[in-house]
Amino acid sequence: MVVTFVEKEGKMVRRAVFPLLAVALLAACDAAKDPNNIKKSGCTPLDYGNGVYYFPCIEANFANALSTFLKNFPMMEVSAMTGNGNGSYGHNMGYFVVVRKSK
């Protein structure tokens, strides 16, 4: 950590700054980036029937869960999907996915 001092309202204030390397290392620690970690993510799709599933996860966890789902059911393909927003634009809590048999 690098400590810097900046002037704010006429006073010198101490501010901690993380070097870019530290930020890059923290970003690389995302366990969801490894598809083998899907069992650890807790993202089990809920089956609504008729090919409709809800995946209660987002970002890399969703990608891993969907990839694993399609690997386990190779005769299926995604027909449509949409995010389940929490009321704020662009903030999803999970995804609804509709699948059908591959042609």
PDB file of N, CA and C in Angstrom:
ATOM      1  N   MET A   1       0.842  -1.156   0.000  1.00  0.00           N
ATOM      2  CA  MET A   1       0.000   0.000   0.000  1.00  0.00           C
ATOM      3  C   MET A   1       0.897   1.231   0.000  1.00  0.00           C
ATOM      4  N   VAL A   2       0.503   2.199  -0.784  1.00  0.00           N
ATOM      5  CA  VAL A   2       1.220   3.462  -0.863  1.00  0.00           C
ATOM      6  C   VAL A   2       0.356   4.518  -0.181  1.00  0.00           C
ATOM      7  N   VAL A   3       0.953   5.286   0.680  1.00  0.00           N
ATOM      8  CA  VAL A   3       0.224   6.334   1.391  1.00  0.00           C
ATOM      9  C   VAL A   3       0.616   7.672   0.792  1.00  0.00           C
ATOM     10  N   THR A   4      -0.388   8.455   0.412  1.00  0.00           N
ATOM     11  CA  THR A   4      -0.134   9.789  -0.119  1.00  0.00           C
ATOM     12  C   THR A   4      -0.887  10.804   0.723  1.00  0.00           C
ATOM     13  N   PHE A   5      -0.481  12.045   0.602  1.00  0.00           N
ATOM     14  CA  PHE A   5      -1.162  13.122   1.302  1.00  0.00           C
ATOM     15  C   PHE A   5      -1.714  14.091   0.271  1.00  0.00           C
ATOM     16  N   VAL A   6      -2.972  14.442   0.428  1.00  0.00           N
ATOM     17  CA  VAL A   6      -3.609  15.396  -0.473  1.00  0.00           C
ATOM     18  C   VAL A   6      -4.244  16.500   0.364  1.00  0.00           C
ATOM     19  N   GLU A   7      -4.366  17.658  -0.264  1.00  0.00           N
ATOM     20  CA  GLU A   7      -4.974  18.780   0.445  1.00  0.00           C
ATOM     21  C   GLU A   7      -6.473  18.755   0.208  1.00  0.00           C
ATOM     22  N   LYS A   8      -7.231  18.807   1.296  1.00  0.00           N
ATOM     23  CA  LYS A   8      -8.686  18.807   1.205  1.00  0.00           C
ATOM     24  C   LYS A   8      -9.197  19.836   2.195  1.00  0.00           C
ATOM     25  N   GLU A   9      -9.867  20.844   1.679  1.00  0.00           N
ATOM     26  CA  GLU A   9     -10.424  21.917   2.503  1.00  0.00           C
ATOM     27  C   GLU A   9      -9.349  22.554   3.377  1.00  0.00           C
ATOM     28  N   GLY A  10      -8.177  22.771   2.791  1.00  0.00           N
ATOM     29  CA  GLY A  10      -7.106  23.440   3.500  1.00  0.00           C
ATOM     30  C   GLY A  10      -6.323  22.569   4.468  1.00  0.00           C
ATOM     31  N   LYS A  11      -6.644  21.284   4.568  1.00  0.00           N
ATOM     32  CA  LYS A  11      -5.938  20.376   5.481  1.00  0.00           C
ATOM     33  C   LYS A  11      -5.288  19.256   4.682  1.00  0.00           C
ATOM     34  N   MET A  12      -4.187  18.768   5.186  1.00  0.00           N
ATOM     35  CA  MET A  12      -3.528  17.630   4.553  1.00  0.00           C
ATOM     36  C   MET A  12      -4.197  16.349   5.057  1.00  0.00           C
ATOM     37  N   VAL A  13      -4.671  15.550   4.132  1.00  0.00           N
ATOM     38  CA  VAL A  13      -5.379  14.314   4.471  1.00  0.00           C
ATOM     39  C   VAL A  13      -4.584  13.133   3.925  1.00  0.00           C
ATOM     40  N   ARG A  14      -4.417  12.117   4.759  1.00  0.00           N
ATOM     41  CA  ARG A  14      -3.706  10.908   4.335  1.00  0.00           C
ATOM     42  C   ARG A  14      -4.653  10.032   3.529  1.00  0.00           C
ATOM     43  N   ARG A  15      -4.163   9.517   2.403  1.00  0.00           N
ATOM     44  CA  ARG A  15      -4.990   8.679   1.534  1.00  0.00           C
ATOM     45  C   ARG A  15      -4.179   7.461   1.126  1.00  0.00           C
ATOM     46  N   ALA A  16      -4.762   6.285   1.277  1.00  0.00           N
ATOM     47  CA  ALA A  16      -4.089   5.046   0.884  1.00  0.00           C
ATOM     48  C   ALA A  16      -4.393   4.758  -0.580  1.00  0.00           C
ATOM     49  N   VAL A  17      -3.369   4.411  -1.305  1.00  0.00           N
ATOM     50  CA  VAL A  17      -3.513   4.098  -2.722  1.00  0.00           C
ATOM     51  C   VAL A  17      -2.925   2.715  -2.959  1.00  0.00           C
ATOM     52  N   PHE A  18      -3.701   1.822  -3.569  1.00  0.00           N
ATOM     53  CA  PHE A  18      -3.204   0.496  -3.908  1.00  0.00           C
ATOM     54  C   PHE A  18      -2.562   0.536  -5.278  1.00  0.00           C
ATOM     55  N   PRO A  19      -1.387   0.016  -5.406  1.00  0.00           N
ATOM     56  CA  PRO A  19      -0.748  -0.027  -6.722  1.00  0.00           C
ATOM     57  C   PRO A  19      -1.552  -0.891  -7.688  1.00  0.00           C
ATOM     58  N   LEU A  20      -1.376  -0.608  -8.954  1.00  0.00           N
ATOM     59  CA  LEU A  20      -2.086  -1.331 -10.005  1.00  0.00           C
ATOM     60  C   LEU A  20      -1.845  -2.833  -9.913  1.00  0.00           C
ATOM     61  N   LEU A  21      -0.665  -3.246  -9.536  1.00  0.00           N
ATOM     62  CA  LEU A  21      -0.354  -4.669  -9.412  1.00  0.00           C
ATOM     63  C   LEU A  21      -1.249  -5.339  -8.377  1.00  0.00           C
ATOM     64  N   ALA A  22      -1.484  -4.681  -7.262  1.00  0.00           N
ATOM     65  CA  ALA A  22      -2.340  -5.255  -6.225  1.00  0.00           C
ATOM     66  C   ALA A  22      -3.761  -5.433  -6.735  1.00  0.00           C
ATOM     67  N   VAL A  23      -4.257  -4.471  -7.493  1.00  0.00           N
ATOM     68  CA  VAL A  23      -5.601  -4.568  -8.052  1.00  0.00           C
ATOM     69  C   VAL A  23      -5.668  -5.730  -9.042  1.00  0.00           C
ATOM     70  N   ALA A  24      -4.645  -5.866  -9.873  1.00  0.00           N
ATOM     71  CA  ALA A  24      -4.613  -6.970 -10.841  1.00  0.00           C
ATOM     72  C   ALA A  24      -4.581  -8.322 -10.134  1.00  0.00           C
ATOM     73  N   LEU A  25      -3.823  -8.425  -9.062  1.00  0.00           N
ATOM     74  CA  LEU A  25      -3.761  -9.684  -8.315  1.00  0.00           C
ATOM     75  C   LEU A  25      -5.100 -10.010  -7.671  1.00  0.00           C
ATOM     76  N   LEU A  26      -5.776  -9.009  -7.137  1.00  0.00           N
ATOM     77  CA  LEU A  26      -7.090  -9.247  -6.538  1.00  0.00           C
ATOM     78  C   LEU A  26      -8.097  -9.693  -7.581  1.00  0.00           C
ATOM     79  N   ALA A  27      -8.048  -9.107  -8.752  1.00  0.00           N
ATOM     80  CA  ALA A  27      -8.971  -9.497  -9.821  1.00  0.00           C
ATOM     81  C   ALA A  27      -8.713 -10.928 -10.271  1.00  0.00           C
ATOM     82  N   ALA A  28      -7.462 -11.367 -10.241  1.00  0.00           N
ATOM     83  CA  ALA A  28      -7.109 -12.715 -10.672  1.00  0.00           C
ATOM     84  C   ALA A  28      -7.543 -13.775  -9.665  1.00  0.00           C
ATOM     85  N   CYS A  29      -7.945 -13.370  -8.473  1.00  0.00           N
ATOM     86  CA  CYS A  29      -8.322 -14.319  -7.425  1.00  0.00           C
ATOM     87  C   CYS A  29      -9.786 -14.738  -7.494  1.00  0.00           C
ATOM     88  N   ASP A  30     -10.515 -14.331  -8.518  1.00  0.00           N
ATOM     89  CA  ASP A  30     -11.931 -14.660  -8.640  1.00  0.00           C
ATOM     90  C   ASP A  30     -12.086 -16.148  -8.944  1.00  0.00           C
ATOM     91  N   ALA A  31     -12.551 -16.909  -7.960  1.00  0.00           N
ATOM     92  CA  ALA A  31     -12.686 -18.364  -8.114  1.00  0.00           C
ATOM     93  C   ALA A  31     -13.684 -18.736  -9.198  1.00  0.00           C
ATOM     94  N   ALA A  32     -14.613 -17.861  -9.511  1.00  0.00           N
ATOM     95  CA  ALA A  32     -15.636 -18.168 -10.508  1.00  0.00           C
ATOM     96  C   ALA A  32     -15.071 -18.238 -11.922  1.00  0.00           C
ATOM     97  N   LYS A  33     -13.871 -17.733 -12.128  1.00  0.00           N
ATOM     98  CA  LYS A  33     -13.279 -17.787 -13.458  1.00  0.00           C
ATOM     99  C   LYS A  33     -12.890 -19.197 -13.865  1.00  0.00           C
ATOM    100  N   ASP A  34     -12.780 -20.096 -12.911  1.00  0.00           N
ATOM    101  CA  ASP A  34     -12.409 -21.483 -13.184  1.00  0.00           C
ATOM    102  C   ASP A  34     -13.683 -22.326 -13.243  1.00  0.00           C
ATOM    103  N   PRO A  35     -14.023 -22.877 -14.419  1.00  0.00           N
ATOM    104  CA  PRO A  35     -15.242 -23.689 -14.538  1.00  0.00           C
ATOM    105  C   PRO A  35     -15.293 -24.864 -13.565  1.00  0.00           C
ATOM    106  N   ASN A  36     -14.154 -25.327 -13.083  1.00  0.00           N
ATOM    107  CA  ASN A  36     -14.146 -26.433 -12.125  1.00  0.00           C
ATOM    108  C   ASN A  36     -14.689 -26.027 -10.765  1.00  0.00           C
ATOM    109  N   ASN A  37     -14.829 -24.737 -10.516  1.00  0.00           N
ATOM    110  CA  ASN A  37     -15.324 -24.255  -9.233  1.00  0.00           C
ATOM    111  C   ASN A  37     -16.834 -24.105  -9.195  1.00  0.00           C
ATOM    112  N   ILE A  38     -17.540 -24.516 -10.232  1.00  0.00           N
ATOM    113  CA  ILE A  38     -18.987 -24.315 -10.285  1.00  0.00           C
ATOM    114  C   ILE A  38     -19.687 -24.991  -9.120  1.00  0.00           C
ATOM    115  N   LYS A  39     -19.197 -26.134  -8.669  1.00  0.00           N
ATOM    116  CA  LYS A  39     -19.830 -26.817  -7.549  1.00  0.00           C
ATOM    117  C   LYS A  39     -19.715 -25.995  -6.273  1.00  0.00           C
ATOM    118  N   LYS A  40     -18.691 -25.165  -6.172  1.00  0.00           N
ATOM    119  CA  LYS A  40     -18.479 -24.332  -5.008  1.00  0.00           C
ATOM    120  C   LYS A  40     -19.290 -23.040  -5.052  1.00  0.00           C
ATOM    121  N   SER A  41     -19.799 -22.666  -6.230  1.00  0.00           N
ATOM    122  CA  SER A  41     -20.471 -21.379  -6.372  1.00  0.00           C
ATOM    123  C   SER A  41     -21.893 -21.394  -5.830  1.00  0.00           C
ATOM    124  N   GLY A  42     -22.493 -22.567  -5.684  1.00  0.00           N
ATOM    125  CA  GLY A  42     -23.861 -22.638  -5.176  1.00  0.00           C
ATOM    126  C   GLY A  42     -24.906 -22.199  -6.175  1.00  0.00           C
ATOM    127  N   CYS A  43     -24.594 -22.216  -7.446  1.00  0.00           N
ATOM    128  CA  CYS A  43     -25.535 -21.783  -8.477  1.00  0.00           C
ATOM    129  C   CYS A  43     -26.187 -23.001  -9.125  1.00  0.00           C
ATOM    130  N   THR A  44     -27.216 -23.497  -8.488  1.00  0.00           N
ATOM    131  CA  THR A  44     -27.960 -24.642  -9.021  1.00  0.00           C
ATOM    132  C   THR A  44     -29.212 -24.124  -9.714  1.00  0.00           C
ATOM    133  N   PRO A  45     -29.377 -24.424 -11.015  1.00  0.00           N
ATOM    134  CA  PRO A  45     -30.555 -23.914 -11.721  1.00  0.00           C
ATOM    135  C   PRO A  45     -31.850 -24.516 -11.174  1.00  0.00           C
ATOM    136  N   LEU A  46     -32.881 -23.671 -11.113  1.00  0.00           N
ATOM    137  CA  LEU A  46     -34.213 -24.112 -10.695  1.00  0.00           C
ATOM    138  C   LEU A  46     -35.023 -24.437 -11.934  1.00  0.00           C
ATOM    139  N   ASP A  47     -35.631 -25.608 -11.987  1.00  0.00           N
ATOM    140  CA  ASP A  47     -36.399 -26.062 -13.145  1.00  0.00           C
ATOM    141  C   ASP A  47     -37.858 -25.656 -12.980  1.00  0.00           C
ATOM    142  N   TYR A  48     -38.341 -24.752 -13.835  1.00  0.00           N
ATOM    143  CA  TYR A  48     -39.743 -24.333 -13.818  1.00  0.00           C
ATOM    144  C   TYR A  48     -40.608 -25.217 -14.714  1.00  0.00           C
ATOM    145  N   GLY A  49     -39.990 -26.134 -15.431  1.00  0.00           N
ATOM    146  CA  GLY A  49     -40.717 -27.006 -16.351  1.00  0.00           C
ATOM    147  C   GLY A  49     -40.786 -26.401 -17.737  1.00  0.00           C
ATOM    148  N   ASN A  50     -41.102 -27.217 -18.721  1.00  0.00           N
ATOM    149  CA  ASN A  50     -41.239 -26.799 -20.118  1.00  0.00           C
ATOM    150  C   ASN A  50     -39.992 -26.098 -20.660  1.00  0.00           C
ATOM    151  N   GLY A  51     -38.828 -26.461 -20.161  1.00  0.00           N
ATOM    152  CA  GLY A  51     -37.585 -25.891 -20.665  1.00  0.00           C
ATOM    153  C   GLY A  51     -37.208 -24.543 -20.076  1.00  0.00           C
ATOM    154  N   VAL A  52     -37.895 -24.093 -19.035  1.00  0.00           N
ATOM    155  CA  VAL A  52     -37.595 -22.807 -18.395  1.00  0.00           C
ATOM    156  C   VAL A  52     -36.807 -23.065 -17.111  1.00  0.00           C
ATOM    157  N   TYR A  53     -35.641 -22.425 -17.007  1.00  0.00           N
ATOM    158  CA  TYR A  53     -34.777 -22.573 -15.838  1.00  0.00           C
ATOM    159  C   TYR A  53     -34.417 -21.190 -15.302  1.00  0.00           C
ATOM    160  N   TYR A  54     -34.199 -21.124 -14.001  1.00  0.00           N
ATOM    161  CA  TYR A  54     -33.699 -19.896 -13.380  1.00  0.00           C
ATOM    162  C   TYR A  54     -32.348 -20.191 -12.740  1.00  0.00           C
ATOM    163  N   PHE A  55     -31.334 -19.420 -13.107  1.00  0.00           N
ATOM    164  CA  PHE A  55     -29.989 -19.544 -12.548  1.00  0.00           C
ATOM    165  C   PHE A  55     -29.803 -18.394 -11.550  1.00  0.00           C
ATOM    166  N   PRO A  56     -29.753 -18.683 -10.246  1.00  0.00           N
ATOM    167  CA  PRO A  56     -29.662 -17.628  -9.237  1.00  0.00           C
ATOM    168  C   PRO A  56     -28.229 -17.124  -9.014  1.00  0.00           C
ATOM    169  N   CYS A  57     -27.566 -16.731 -10.092  1.00  0.00           N
ATOM    170  CA  CYS A  57     -26.191 -16.252  -9.992  1.00  0.00           C
ATOM    171  C   CYS A  57     -25.917 -15.305 -11.154  1.00  0.00           C
ATOM    172  N   ILE A  58     -24.797 -14.591 -11.059  1.00  0.00           N
ATOM    173  CA  ILE A  58     -24.452 -13.608 -12.080  1.00  0.00           C
ATOM    174  C   ILE A  58     -22.978 -13.742 -12.463  1.00  0.00           C
ATOM    175  N   GLU A  59     -22.604 -13.007 -13.469  1.00  0.00           N
ATOM    176  CA  GLU A  59     -21.236 -12.877 -13.949  1.00  0.00           C
ATOM    177  C   GLU A  59     -20.611 -14.238 -14.251  1.00  0.00           C
ATOM    178  N   ALA A  60     -19.388 -14.476 -13.809  1.00  0.00           N
ATOM    179  CA  ALA A  60     -18.679 -15.710 -14.154  1.00  0.00           C
ATOM    180  C   ALA A  60     -19.356 -16.932 -13.558  1.00  0.00           C
ATOM    181  N   ASN A  61     -19.984 -16.795 -12.392  1.00  0.00           N
ATOM    182  CA  ASN A  61     -20.698 -17.940 -11.815  1.00  0.00           C
ATOM    183  C   ASN A  61     -21.838 -18.380 -12.732  1.00  0.00           C
ATOM    184  N   PHE A  62     -22.548 -17.411 -13.326  1.00  0.00           N
ATOM    185  CA  PHE A  62     -23.619 -17.759 -14.267  1.00  0.00           C
ATOM    186  C   PHE A  62     -23.040 -18.439 -15.496  1.00  0.00           C
ATOM    187  N   ALA A  63     -21.973 -17.887 -16.036  1.00  0.00           N
ATOM    188  CA  ALA A  63     -21.358 -18.487 -17.224  1.00  0.00           C
ATOM    189  C   ALA A  63     -20.914 -19.913 -16.950  1.00  0.00           C
ATOM    190  N   ASN A  64     -20.301 -20.136 -15.799  1.00  0.00           N
ATOM    191  CA  ASN A  64     -19.863 -21.488 -15.448  1.00  0.00           C
ATOM    192  C   ASN A  64     -21.048 -22.431 -15.269  1.00  0.00           C
ATOM    193  N   ALA A  65     -22.102 -21.950 -14.600  1.00  0.00           N
ATOM    194  CA  ALA A  65     -23.280 -22.790 -14.367  1.00  0.00           C
ATOM    195  C   ALA A  65     -23.976 -23.135 -15.676  1.00  0.00           C
ATOM    196  N   LEU A  66     -24.122 -22.168 -16.562  1.00  0.00           N
ATOM    197  CA  LEU A  66     -24.770 -22.429 -17.849  1.00  0.00           C
ATOM    198  C   LEU A  66     -23.917 -23.377 -18.693  1.00  0.00           C
ATOM    199  N   SER A  67     -22.612 -23.171 -18.695  1.00  0.00           N
ATOM    200  CA  SER A  67     -21.716 -24.050 -19.444  1.00  0.00           C
ATOM    201  C   SER A  67     -21.803 -25.487 -18.933  1.00  0.00           C
ATOM    202  N   THR A  68     -21.810 -25.648 -17.615  1.00  0.00           N
ATOM    203  CA  THR A  68     -21.922 -26.986 -17.026  1.00  0.00           C
ATOM    204  C   THR A  68     -23.269 -27.608 -17.353  1.00  0.00           C
ATOM    205  N   PHE A  69     -24.334 -26.816 -17.290  1.00  0.00           N
ATOM    206  CA  PHE A  69     -25.680 -27.297 -17.622  1.00  0.00           C
ATOM    207  C   PHE A  69     -25.717 -27.817 -19.054  1.00  0.00           C
ATOM    208  N   LEU A  70     -25.185 -27.037 -20.003  1.00  0.00           N
ATOM    209  CA  LEU A  70     -25.204 -27.452 -21.406  1.00  0.00           C
ATOM    210  C   LEU A  70     -24.294 -28.650 -21.659  1.00  0.00           C
ATOM    211  N   LYS A  71     -23.219 -28.767 -20.882  1.00  0.00           N
ATOM    212  CA  LYS A  71     -22.346 -29.939 -20.997  1.00  0.00           C
ATOM    213  C   LYS A  71     -23.069 -31.199 -20.507  1.00  0.00           C
ATOM    214  N   ASN A  72     -23.862 -31.049 -19.442  1.00  0.00           N
ATOM    215  CA  ASN A  72     -24.605 -32.185 -18.900  1.00  0.00           C
ATOM    216  C   ASN A  72     -25.808 -32.571 -19.755  1.00  0.00           C
ATOM    217  N   PHE A  73     -26.322 -31.629 -20.550  1.00  0.00           N
ATOM    218  CA  PHE A  73     -27.469 -31.876 -21.424  1.00  0.00           C
ATOM    219  C   PHE A  73     -27.113 -31.457 -22.850  1.00  0.00           C
ATOM    220  N   PRO A  74     -26.238 -32.231 -23.531  1.00  0.00           N
ATOM    221  CA  PRO A  74     -25.757 -31.827 -24.863  1.00  0.00           C
ATOM    222  C   PRO A  74     -26.845 -31.793 -25.932  1.00  0.00           C
ATOM    223  N   MET A  75     -27.998 -32.400 -25.662  1.00  0.00           N
ATOM    224  CA  MET A  75     -29.072 -32.375 -26.642  1.00  0.00           C
ATOM    225  C   MET A  75     -29.911 -31.102 -26.558  1.00  0.00           C
ATOM    226  N   MET A  76     -29.555 -30.200 -25.612  1.00  0.00           N
ATOM    227  CA  MET A  76     -30.312 -28.967 -25.418  1.00  0.00           C
ATOM    228  C   MET A  76     -29.509 -27.769 -25.928  1.00  0.00           C
ATOM    229  N   GLU A  77     -30.223 -26.709 -26.331  1.00  0.00           N
ATOM    230  CA  GLU A  77     -29.595 -25.449 -26.710  1.00  0.00           C
ATOM    231  C   GLU A  77     -30.408 -24.298 -26.135  1.00  0.00           C
ATOM    232  N   VAL A  78     -29.749 -23.187 -25.898  1.00  0.00           N
ATOM    233  CA  VAL A  78     -30.427 -22.017 -25.332  1.00  0.00           C
ATOM    234  C   VAL A  78     -31.277 -21.374 -26.414  1.00  0.00           C
ATOM    235  N   SER A  79     -32.543 -21.160 -26.114  1.00  0.00           N
ATOM    236  CA  SER A  79     -33.460 -20.513 -27.025  1.00  0.00           C
ATOM    237  C   SER A  79     -33.599 -19.027 -26.711  1.00  0.00           C
ATOM    238  N   ALA A  80     -33.629 -18.695 -25.408  1.00  0.00           N
ATOM    239  CA  ALA A  80     -33.755 -17.297 -24.979  1.00  0.00           C
ATOM    240  C   ALA A  80     -33.284 -17.187 -23.534  1.00  0.00           C
ATOM    241  N   MET A  81     -32.877 -15.984 -23.138  1.00  0.00           N
ATOM    242  CA  MET A  81     -32.551 -15.750 -21.735  1.00  0.00           C
ATOM    243  C   MET A  81     -32.713 -14.268 -21.429  1.00  0.00           C
ATOM    244  N   THR A  82     -32.972 -13.988 -20.152  1.00  0.00           N
ATOM    245  CA  THR A  82     -33.127 -12.612 -19.703  1.00  0.00           C
ATOM    246  C   THR A  82     -32.695 -12.506 -18.255  1.00  0.00           C
ATOM    247  N   GLY A  83     -32.197 -11.351 -17.895  1.00  0.00           N
ATOM    248  CA  GLY A  83     -31.777 -11.117 -16.522  1.00  0.00           C
ATOM    249  C   GLY A  83     -32.966 -10.857 -15.613  1.00  0.00           C
ATOM    250  N   ASN A  84     -32.805 -11.197 -14.353  1.00  0.00           N
ATOM    251  CA  ASN A  84     -33.815 -10.936 -13.336  1.00  0.00           C
ATOM    252  C   ASN A  84     -33.324  -9.737 -12.528  1.00  0.00           C
ATOM    253  N   GLY A  85     -33.700  -8.551 -12.951  1.00  0.00           N
ATOM    254  CA  GLY A  85     -33.223  -7.330 -12.305  1.00  0.00           C
ATOM    255  C   GLY A  85     -33.783  -7.164 -10.910  1.00  0.00           C
ATOM    256  N   ASN A  86     -33.054  -6.402 -10.100  1.00  0.00           N
ATOM    257  CA  ASN A  86     -33.479  -6.145  -8.723  1.00  0.00           C
ATOM    258  C   ASN A  86     -34.131  -4.776  -8.579  1.00  0.00           C
ATOM    259  N   GLY A  87     -34.545  -4.186  -9.680  1.00  0.00           N
ATOM    260  CA  GLY A  87     -35.183  -2.882  -9.627  1.00  0.00           C
ATOM    261  C   GLY A  87     -34.283  -1.762 -10.088  1.00  0.00           C
ATOM    262  N   SER A  88     -32.989  -2.002 -10.159  1.00  0.00           N
ATOM    263  CA  SER A  88     -32.036  -1.012 -10.643  1.00  0.00           C
ATOM    264  C   SER A  88     -31.588  -1.422 -12.032  1.00  0.00           C
ATOM    265  N   TYR A  89     -31.580  -0.505 -12.952  1.00  0.00           N
ATOM    266  CA  TYR A  89     -31.175  -0.815 -14.314  1.00  0.00           C
ATOM    267  C   TYR A  89     -29.767  -1.377 -14.342  1.00  0.00           C
ATOM    268  N   GLY A  90     -29.599  -2.531 -14.968  1.00  0.00           N
ATOM    269  CA  GLY A  90     -28.288  -3.136 -15.129  1.00  0.00           C
ATOM    270  C   GLY A  90     -27.808  -3.981 -13.965  1.00  0.00           C
ATOM    271  N   HIS A  91     -28.617  -4.141 -12.947  1.00  0.00           N
ATOM    272  CA  HIS A  91     -28.206  -4.942 -11.782  1.00  0.00           C
ATOM    273  C   HIS A  91     -29.054  -6.201 -11.717  1.00  0.00           C
ATOM    274  N   ASN A  92     -28.487  -7.314 -12.150  1.00  0.00           N
ATOM    275  CA  ASN A  92     -29.205  -8.583 -12.159  1.00  0.00           C
ATOM    276  C   ASN A  92     -28.882  -9.408 -10.933  1.00  0.00           C
ATOM    277  N   MET A  93     -29.858 -10.225 -10.536  1.00  0.00           N
ATOM    278  CA  MET A  93     -29.678 -11.146  -9.418  1.00  0.00           C
ATOM    279  C   MET A  93     -29.528 -12.572  -9.921  1.00  0.00           C
ATOM    280  N   GLY A  94     -29.884 -12.794 -11.165  1.00  0.00           N
ATOM    281  CA  GLY A  94     -29.835 -14.108 -11.773  1.00  0.00           C
ATOM    282  C   GLY A  94     -30.371 -14.018 -13.193  1.00  0.00           C
ATOM    283  N   TYR A  95     -30.548 -15.179 -13.833  1.00  0.00           N
ATOM    284  CA  TYR A  95     -31.015 -15.208 -15.216  1.00  0.00           C
ATOM    285  C   TYR A  95     -32.046 -16.310 -15.422  1.00  0.00           C
ATOM    286  N   PHE A  96     -33.090 -15.988 -16.183  1.00  0.00           N
ATOM    287  CA  PHE A  96     -34.037 -16.987 -16.676  1.00  0.00           C
ATOM    288  C   PHE A  96     -33.506 -17.450 -18.019  1.00  0.00           C
ATOM    289  N   VAL A  97     -33.477 -18.767 -18.220  1.00  0.00           N
ATOM    290  CA  VAL A  97     -32.968 -19.339 -19.473  1.00  0.00           C
ATOM    291  C   VAL A  97     -34.013 -20.323 -19.991  1.00  0.00           C
ATOM    292  N   VAL A  98     -34.344 -20.186 -21.274  1.00  0.00           N
ATOM    293  CA  VAL A  98     -35.265 -21.120 -21.933  1.00  0.00           C
ATOM    294  C   VAL A  98     -34.433 -21.976 -22.872  1.00  0.00           C
ATOM    295  N   VAL A  99     -34.566 -23.296 -22.724  1.00  0.00           N
ATOM    296  CA  VAL A  99     -33.819 -24.221 -23.586  1.00  0.00           C
ATOM    297  C   VAL A  99     -34.790 -25.071 -24.395  1.00  0.00           C
ATOM    298  N   ARG A 100     -34.279 -25.614 -25.482  1.00  0.00           N
ATOM    299  CA  ARG A 100     -35.051 -26.538 -26.319  1.00  0.00           C
ATOM    300  C   ARG A 100     -34.112 -27.593 -26.864  1.00  0.00           C
ATOM    301  N   LYS A 101     -34.680 -28.638 -27.403  1.00  0.00           N
ATOM    302  CA  LYS A 101     -33.854 -29.685 -27.990  1.00  0.00           C
ATOM    303  C   LYS A 101     -33.134 -29.151 -29.220  1.00  0.00           C
ATOM    304  N   SER A 102     -31.867 -29.530 -29.347  1.00  0.00           N
ATOM    305  CA  SER A 102     -31.074 -29.101 -30.511  1.00  0.00           C
ATOM    306  C   SER A 102     -31.643 -29.724 -31.763  1.00  0.00           C
ATOM    307  N   LYS A 103     -31.529 -29.013 -32.854  1.00  0.00           N
ATOM    308  CA  LYS A 103     -32.028 -29.525 -34.139  1.00  0.00           C
ATOM    309  C   LYS A 103     -30.971 -30.306 -34.851  1.00  0.00           C
TER     310      LYS A 103
END
